[in-house]
C-alpha atoms as a PDB file:
ATOM      1  CA  MET A   1       0.095 -17.139 -31.279  1.00  0.00           C
ATOM      2  CA  ILE A   2      -0.219 -18.591 -34.770  1.00  0.00           C
ATOM      3  CA  LYS A   3       1.805 -21.597 -35.837  1.00  0.00           C
ATOM      4  CA  ASP A   4       3.897 -21.161 -39.014  1.00  0.00           C
ATOM      5  CA  LYS A   5       3.364 -23.728 -41.760  1.00  0.00           C
ATOM      6  CA  ASP A   6       6.991 -24.848 -41.607  1.00  0.00           C
ATOM      7  CA  GLN A   7       7.168 -24.886 -37.803  1.00  0.00           C
ATOM      8  CA  SER A   8       7.065 -28.141 -35.882  1.00  0.00           C
ATOM      9  CA  TRP A   9       4.531 -28.643 -33.141  1.00  0.00           C
ATOM     10  CA  THR A  10       7.372 -29.100 -30.662  1.00  0.00           C
ATOM     11  CA  SER A  11       8.875 -25.724 -31.569  1.00  0.00           C
ATOM     12  CA  PHE A  12       5.463 -24.061 -31.454  1.00  0.00           C
ATOM     13  CA  ALA A  13       4.700 -25.532 -27.994  1.00  0.00           C
ATOM     14  CA  LEU A  14       8.093 -24.405 -26.679  1.00  0.00           C
ATOM     15  CA  GLU A  15       7.578 -20.833 -27.934  1.00  0.00           C
ATOM     16  CA  THR A  16       4.100 -20.790 -26.393  1.00  0.00           C
ATOM     17  CA  LEU A  17       5.416 -21.933 -23.010  1.00  0.00           C
ATOM     18  CA  ILE A  18       8.192 -19.319 -23.094  1.00  0.00           C
ATOM     19  CA  LEU A  19       5.702 -16.556 -23.908  1.00  0.00           C
ATOM     20  CA  ILE A  20       3.368 -17.668 -21.116  1.00  0.00           C
ATOM     21  CA  GLY A  21       6.319 -17.732 -18.716  1.00  0.00           C
ATOM     22  CA  ILE A  22       7.316 -14.174 -19.668  1.00  0.00           C
ATOM     23  CA  VAL A  23       3.766 -12.910 -19.225  1.00  0.00           C
ATOM     24  CA  LEU A  24       3.424 -14.571 -15.820  1.00  0.00           C
ATOM     25  CA  PHE A  25       6.838 -13.290 -14.702  1.00  0.00           C
ATOM     26  CA  VAL A  26       5.866  -9.718 -15.605  1.00  0.00           C
ATOM     27  CA  ARG A  27       2.465 -10.132 -13.955  1.00  0.00           C
ATOM     28  CA  PHE A  28       3.783 -11.421 -10.607  1.00  0.00           C
ATOM     29  CA  TYR A  29       7.212  -9.781 -10.326  1.00  0.00           C
ATOM     30  CA  ILE A  30       7.406  -6.609 -12.454  1.00  0.00           C
ATOM     31  CA  PHE A  31       4.143  -4.627 -12.512  1.00  0.00           C
ATOM     32  CA  GLN A  32       0.392  -4.793 -12.756  1.00  0.00           C
ATOM     33  CA  PHE A  33      -2.635  -2.522 -12.726  1.00  0.00           C
ATOM     34  CA  PHE A  34      -5.197  -2.206  -9.942  1.00  0.00           C
ATOM     35  CA  ARG A  35      -8.414  -0.278  -9.620  1.00  0.00           C
ATOM     36  CA  VAL A  36      -8.818   1.616  -6.367  1.00  0.00           C
ATOM     37  CA  SER A  37     -12.153   1.049  -4.675  1.00  0.00           C
ATOM     38  CA  GLY A  38     -13.619   3.076  -1.843  1.00  0.00           C
ATOM     39  CA  PRO A  39     -12.750   6.258   0.060  1.00  0.00           C
ATOM     40  CA  SER A  40      -9.971   5.056   2.400  1.00  0.00           C
ATOM     41  CA  MET A  41      -7.131   6.898   0.602  1.00  0.00           C
ATOM     42  CA  CYS A  42      -8.828  10.229  -0.101  1.00  0.00           C
ATOM     43  CA  PRO A  43      -7.619  12.862  -0.839  1.00  0.00           C
ATOM     44  CA  THR A  44      -4.429  11.172  -2.106  1.00  0.00           C
ATOM     45  CA  LEU A  45      -6.427   8.790  -4.321  1.00  0.00           C
ATOM     46  CA  ASN A  46      -9.980   8.513  -5.656  1.00  0.00           C
ATOM     47  CA  ILE A  47     -10.881  12.195  -5.758  1.00  0.00           C
ATOM     48  CA  ILE A  48     -12.961  12.341  -8.943  1.00  0.00           C
ATOM     49  CA  ASP A  49     -14.990  15.363  -9.994  1.00  0.00           C
ATOM     50  CA  GLU A  50     -13.767  17.023  -6.787  1.00  0.00           C
ATOM     51  CA  LYS A  51     -15.470  14.377  -4.652  1.00  0.00           C
ATOM     52  CA  CYS A  52     -14.185  11.353  -2.777  1.00  0.00           C
ATOM     53  CA  GLU A  53     -15.304   8.331  -4.784  1.00  0.00           C
ATOM     54  CA  ASN A  54     -17.078   5.755  -2.621  1.00  0.00           C
ATOM     55  CA  GLY A  55     -17.160   3.028  -5.253  1.00  0.00           C
ATOM     56  CA  LYS A  56     -14.712   1.942  -7.921  1.00  0.00           C
ATOM     57  CA  GLY A  57     -12.430   4.764  -8.981  1.00  0.00           C
ATOM     58  CA  GLU A  58      -8.928   5.371 -10.303  1.00  0.00           C
ATOM     59  CA  PHE A  59      -6.720   2.813 -12.049  1.00  0.00           C
ATOM     60  CA  ILE A  60      -3.158   2.733 -10.758  1.00  0.00           C
ATOM     61  CA  PHE A  61       0.170   1.309 -11.922  1.00  0.00           C
ATOM     62  CA  VAL A  62       1.759  -0.844  -9.219  1.00  0.00           C
ATOM     63  CA  ASN A  63       5.520  -1.334  -9.307  1.00  0.00           C
ATOM     64  CA  GLU A  64       6.300  -4.870  -8.102  1.00  0.00           C
ATOM     65  CA  PHE A  65       9.888  -4.872  -9.346  1.00  0.00           C
ATOM     66  CA  VAL A  66      11.171  -2.447  -6.719  1.00  0.00           C
ATOM     67  CA  TYR A  67      10.293  -4.692  -3.749  1.00  0.00           C
ATOM     68  CA  ASN A  68      11.058  -7.989  -5.477  1.00  0.00           C
ATOM     69  CA  PHE A  69      14.538  -7.080  -6.723  1.00  0.00           C
ATOM     70  CA  MET A  70      15.762  -3.766  -5.314  1.00  0.00           C
ATOM     71  CA  ARG A  71      14.827  -2.985  -1.705  1.00  0.00           C
ATOM     72  CA  ALA A  72      12.344  -3.333   1.119  1.00  0.00           C
ATOM     73  CA  PRO A  73       9.306  -1.055   1.434  1.00  0.00           C
ATOM     74  CA  LYS A  74       9.892   2.292   3.147  1.00  0.00           C
ATOM     75  CA  ARG A  75       7.904   4.298   5.634  1.00  0.00           C
ATOM     76  CA  GLY A  76       5.566   6.729   3.920  1.00  0.00           C
ATOM     77  CA  GLU A  77       5.113   4.680   0.735  1.00  0.00           C
ATOM     78  CA  ILE A  78       1.681   3.721  -0.542  1.00  0.00           C
ATOM     79  CA  VAL A  79       1.393   0.011  -1.269  1.00  0.00           C
ATOM     80  CA  VAL A  80      -1.044  -2.637  -2.471  1.00  0.00           C
ATOM     81  CA  PHE A  81      -1.214  -5.691  -0.179  1.00  0.00           C
ATOM     82  CA  HIS A  82      -3.519  -8.190   1.440  1.00  0.00           C
ATOM     83  CA  PRO A  83      -3.804  -8.778   5.203  1.00  0.00           C
ATOM     84  CA  PRO A  84      -2.707 -12.176   6.561  1.00  0.00           C
ATOM     85  CA  HIS A  85      -6.286 -13.363   7.033  1.00  0.00           C
ATOM     86  CA  LYS A  86      -7.756 -12.122   3.731  1.00  0.00           C
ATOM     87  CA  ASP A  87      -7.259 -12.570  -0.009  1.00  0.00           C
ATOM     88  CA  THR A  88      -8.750  -9.151  -0.757  1.00  0.00           C
ATOM     89  CA  PHE A  89      -6.245  -6.506  -1.843  1.00  0.00           C
ATOM     90  CA  TYR A  90      -6.026  -3.231   0.088  1.00  0.00           C
ATOM     91  CA  ILE A  91      -4.179   0.004  -0.608  1.00  0.00           C
ATOM     92  CA  LYS A  92      -2.775   1.961   2.360  1.00  0.00           C
ATOM     93  CA  ARG A  93       0.241   3.987   3.452  1.00  0.00           C
ATOM     94  CA  ILE A  94       3.129   2.454   5.419  1.00  0.00           C
ATOM     95  CA  LEU A  95       3.377   4.170   8.815  1.00  0.00           C
ATOM     96  CA  GLY A  96       5.689   1.739  10.578  1.00  0.00           C
ATOM     97  CA  VAL A  97       8.565  -0.468   9.394  1.00  0.00           C
ATOM     98  CA  PRO A  98      10.300  -3.268  11.360  1.00  0.00           C
ATOM     99  CA  GLY A  99      11.609  -1.928  14.669  1.00  0.00           C
ATOM    100  CA  ASP A 100       9.304   1.095  14.800  1.00  0.00           C
ATOM    101  CA  THR A 101       6.866   1.871  17.552  1.00  0.00           C
ATOM    102  CA  ILE A 102       3.922   3.989  16.434  1.00  0.00           C
ATOM    103  CA  GLU A 103       1.721   5.513  19.121  1.00  0.00           C
ATOM    104  CA  ILE A 104      -1.560   7.376  18.689  1.00  0.00           C
ATOM    105  CA  LYS A 105      -1.883  10.249  21.148  1.00  0.00           C
ATOM    106  CA  LYS A 106      -4.636  12.864  21.021  1.00  0.00           C
ATOM    107  CA  GLY A 107      -5.317  12.137  17.363  1.00  0.00           C
ATOM    108  CA  LYS A 108      -1.687  12.331  16.192  1.00  0.00           C
ATOM    109  CA  LEU A 109       0.933   9.700  15.379  1.00  0.00           C
ATOM    110  CA  TYR A 110       4.288   9.522  17.160  1.00  0.00           C
ATOM    111  CA  LEU A 111       7.310   7.488  16.068  1.00  0.00           C
ATOM    112  CA  SER A 112       9.997   5.901  18.220  1.00  0.00           C
ATOM    113  CA  ASN A 113      12.893   3.702  17.068  1.00  0.00           C
ATOM    114  CA  ASN A 114      16.693   3.548  17.271  1.00  0.00           C
ATOM    115  CA  GLU A 115      16.981   7.022  15.725  1.00  0.00           C
ATOM    116  CA  VAL A 116      14.157   9.074  17.225  1.00  0.00           C
ATOM    117  CA  THR A 117      11.960   9.075  20.324  1.00  0.00           C
ATOM    118  CA  ASP A 118       8.365  10.248  20.435  1.00  0.00           C
ATOM    119  CA  PHE A 119       8.697  12.100  17.115  1.00  0.00           C
ATOM    120  CA  GLU A 120       5.425  13.565  15.859  1.00  0.00           C
ATOM    121  CA  ILE A 121       4.959  12.459  12.255  1.00  0.00           C
ATOM    122  CA  PRO A 122       3.987  15.506  10.144  1.00  0.00           C
ATOM    123  CA  GLU A 123       1.197  13.951   8.100  1.00  0.00           C
ATOM    124  CA  THR A 124       0.838  16.741   5.562  1.00  0.00           C
ATOM    125  CA  TYR A 125      -0.855  14.380   3.103  1.00  0.00           C
ATOM    126  CA  LEU A 126      -3.980  14.191   5.296  1.00  0.00           C
ATOM    127  CA  SER A 127      -7.024  16.374   4.770  1.00  0.00           C
ATOM    128  CA  ALA A 128      -7.998  18.989   7.335  1.00  0.00           C
ATOM    129  CA  LYS A 129     -10.761  16.641   8.482  1.00  0.00           C
ATOM    130  CA  ASN A 130      -8.258  13.891   9.294  1.00  0.00           C
ATOM    131  CA  ASN A 131      -5.048  15.685  10.255  1.00  0.00           C
ATOM    132  CA  GLY A 132      -4.761  15.464  14.026  1.00  0.00           C
ATOM    133  CA  PHE A 133      -7.912  13.366  14.371  1.00  0.00           C
ATOM    134  CA  THR A 134      -6.696   9.775  14.042  1.00  0.00           C
ATOM    135  CA  GLN A 135      -8.946   7.611  16.176  1.00  0.00           C
ATOM    136  CA  SER A 136      -7.173   4.846  18.101  1.00  0.00           C
ATOM    137  CA  PHE A 137     -10.026   2.423  18.927  1.00  0.00           C
ATOM    138  CA  LYS A 138      -8.774  -0.290  21.352  1.00  0.00           C
ATOM    139  CA  GLN A 139      -5.017  -0.215  20.660  1.00  0.00           C
ATOM    140  CA  THR A 140      -2.938   2.956  20.893  1.00  0.00           C
ATOM    141  CA  LYS A 141       0.617   1.633  20.580  1.00  0.00           C
ATOM    142  CA  PHE A 142       2.006  -0.624  17.830  1.00  0.00           C
ATOM    143  CA  THR A 143       5.519  -2.110  17.915  1.00  0.00           C
ATOM    144  CA  VAL A 144       6.266  -3.493  14.460  1.00  0.00           C
ATOM    145  CA  PRO A 145       7.939  -6.947  14.430  1.00  0.00           C
ATOM    146  CA  ASP A 146      10.642  -8.070  12.008  1.00  0.00           C
ATOM    147  CA  GLU A 147       9.559  -8.472   8.361  1.00  0.00           C
ATOM    148  CA  HIS A 148       6.191  -6.817   9.086  1.00  0.00           C
ATOM    149  CA  TYR A 149       4.682  -3.394   8.428  1.00  0.00           C
ATOM    150  CA  LEU A 150       2.018  -1.133   9.918  1.00  0.00           C
ATOM    151  CA  LEU A 151      -0.353   0.525   7.427  1.00  0.00           C
ATOM    152  CA  MET A 152      -3.197   3.022   7.601  1.00  0.00           C
ATOM    153  CA  GLY A 153      -5.399   4.818   5.091  1.00  0.00           C
ATOM    154  CA  ASP A 154      -5.047   8.551   4.496  1.00  0.00           C
ATOM    155  CA  ASN A 155      -8.774   9.021   5.058  1.00  0.00           C
ATOM    156  CA  ARG A 156      -8.557   7.921   8.692  1.00  0.00           C
ATOM    157  CA  SER A 157     -12.217   8.476   9.500  1.00  0.00           C
ATOM    158  CA  ARG A 158     -13.270   6.085   6.711  1.00  0.00           C
ATOM    159  CA  SER A 159     -10.472   3.529   6.579  1.00  0.00           C
ATOM    160  CA  PHE A 160     -10.466  -0.038   7.886  1.00  0.00           C
ATOM    161  CA  ASP A 161      -6.753  -0.521   8.515  1.00  0.00           C
ATOM    162  CA  ALA A 162      -4.239  -1.574  11.195  1.00  0.00           C
ATOM    163  CA  ARG A 163      -6.306   0.138  13.887  1.00  0.00           C
ATOM    164  CA  HIS A 164      -9.171  -2.277  13.166  1.00  0.00           C
ATOM    165  CA  CYS A 165      -6.905  -5.164  12.102  1.00  0.00           C
ATOM    166  CA  TYR A 166      -8.630  -4.914   8.694  1.00  0.00           C
ATOM    167  CA  ASN A 167     -11.692  -6.421  10.253  1.00  0.00           C
ATOM    168  CA  GLN A 168     -15.055  -4.879  11.114  1.00  0.00           C
ATOM    169  CA  SER A 169     -15.279  -6.864  14.330  1.00  0.00           C
ATOM    170  CA  GLY A 170     -11.851  -5.678  15.479  1.00  0.00           C
ATOM    171  CA  CYS A 171      -8.572  -7.343  16.443  1.00  0.00           C
ATOM    172  CA  ASP A 172      -8.303 -10.811  17.936  1.00  0.00           C
ATOM    173  CA  GLY A 173      -5.888 -13.729  17.834  1.00  0.00           C
ATOM    174  CA  ALA A 174      -6.441 -14.298  14.113  1.00  0.00           C
ATOM    175  CA  HIS A 175      -6.476 -10.629  13.134  1.00  0.00           C
ATOM    176  CA  THR A 176      -3.323  -8.637  13.869  1.00  0.00           C
ATOM    177  CA  PRO A 177      -2.451  -5.058  12.839  1.00  0.00           C
ATOM    178  CA  PHE A 178       0.804  -6.073  11.131  1.00  0.00           C
ATOM    179  CA  VAL A 179       1.254  -7.120   7.502  1.00  0.00           C
ATOM    180  CA  PRO A 180       4.148  -9.451   6.563  1.00  0.00           C
ATOM    181  CA  ILE A 181       6.398  -8.328   3.732  1.00  0.00           C
ATOM    182  CA  LYS A 182       5.417 -11.356   1.647  1.00  0.00           C
ATOM    183  CA  ASN A 183       1.851  -9.981   1.504  1.00  0.00           C
ATOM    184  CA  ILE A 184       2.887  -6.640   0.015  1.00  0.00           C
ATOM    185  CA  GLN A 185       2.229  -6.776  -3.720  1.00  0.00           C
ATOM    186  CA  GLY A 186       3.982  -3.601  -4.796  1.00  0.00           C
ATOM    187  CA  LYS A 187       4.348   0.160  -4.621  1.00  0.00           C
ATOM    188  CA  ALA A 188       1.542   2.328  -6.000  1.00  0.00           C
ATOM    189  CA  SER A 189       3.393   4.594  -8.449  1.00  0.00           C
ATOM    190  CA  PHE A 190       1.064   6.252 -10.972  1.00  0.00           C
ATOM    191  CA  VAL A 191      -2.586   6.965 -11.610  1.00  0.00           C
ATOM    192  CA  VAL A 192      -3.200   5.948 -15.227  1.00  0.00           C
ATOM    193  CA  TRP A 193      -6.976   6.422 -15.520  1.00  0.00           C
ATOM    194  CA  PRO A 194      -8.990   8.573 -15.919  1.00  0.00           C
ATOM    195  CA  LEU A 195      -6.664  10.494 -18.205  1.00  0.00           C
ATOM    196  CA  SER A 196      -7.628  13.791 -16.615  1.00  0.00           C
ATOM    197  CA  LYS A 197      -6.251  12.487 -13.300  1.00  0.00           C
ATOM    198  CA  MET A 198      -3.048  10.904 -14.639  1.00  0.00           C
ATOM    199  CA  ARG A 199      -0.203  11.674 -12.214  1.00  0.00           C
ATOM    200  CA  GLY A 200       2.530  10.276 -10.030  1.00  0.00           C
ATOM    201  CA  ILE A 201       1.307   9.156  -6.615  1.00  0.00           C
ATOM    202  CA  GLU A 202       2.663  11.266  -3.767  1.00  0.00           C
ATOM    203  CA  GLN A 203       4.560   9.093  -1.308  1.00  0.00           C
ATOM    204  CA  LYS A 204       5.697  11.560   1.364  1.00  0.00           C
ATOM    205  CA  LYS A 205       6.550  15.194   1.775  1.00  0.00           C
ATOM    206  CA  GLU A 206      10.124  16.454   1.557  1.00  0.00           C
ATOM    207  CA  GLU A 207      10.098  17.775   5.120  1.00  0.00           C
ATOM    208  CA  GLU A 208       9.470  14.225   6.410  1.00  0.00           C
ATOM    209  CA  LYS A 209      12.293  12.522   4.516  1.00  0.00           C
ATOM    210  CA  SER A 210      15.198  13.950   6.486  1.00  0.00           C
ATOM    211  CA  VAL A 211      13.814  12.697   9.805  1.00  0.00           C
ATOM    212  CA  ILE A 212      11.801   9.521   9.244  1.00  0.00           C
ATOM    213  CA  SER A 213      13.046   7.971   6.010  1.00  0.00           C
ATOM    214  CA  ASN A 214      14.882   4.643   6.010  1.00  0.00           C
END
């Protein structure tokens, strides 16, 4: 900002503070941009030149407004968040919302809650390499507590997620598979760069919505 010749320093300082407040409000409550890093969400994200990008890849638009002012996150949505024990941001897909029980059986995910029992989730967004081959590691059943969510990457064979408690050494008392709602930054909505890959981010298939949507 540039101060006008006829403007008082008090007026200039007030305008500066208001502008800073607007910028910070937009940054923390409306939207921001993130760069996806690593292969954990392939093929949904980070397929560049027909290959799964292992390093830094696509830039995405993250809608923070929807969760801050409109509604809670839904099952099937792709979100940016950080686990309770880390400041690093992750991007994964919500598989379980409060009250859900997600069980891994023979490489597939099954949902139980007040509406369905042992429903096989049709994960049509997974690649042939991952569909039906979700590894469970030590824990096979996850019951999601209130105000928490269960998330996994679409590239199950290369994703550190709820199954590992976002930790290479596994789950323990300090590392749980569930992410509190306060740690969810926003909904991944669009790929904005590179231009050749600009698109809306697929959240879930139509055939899933009628059975497992909230």
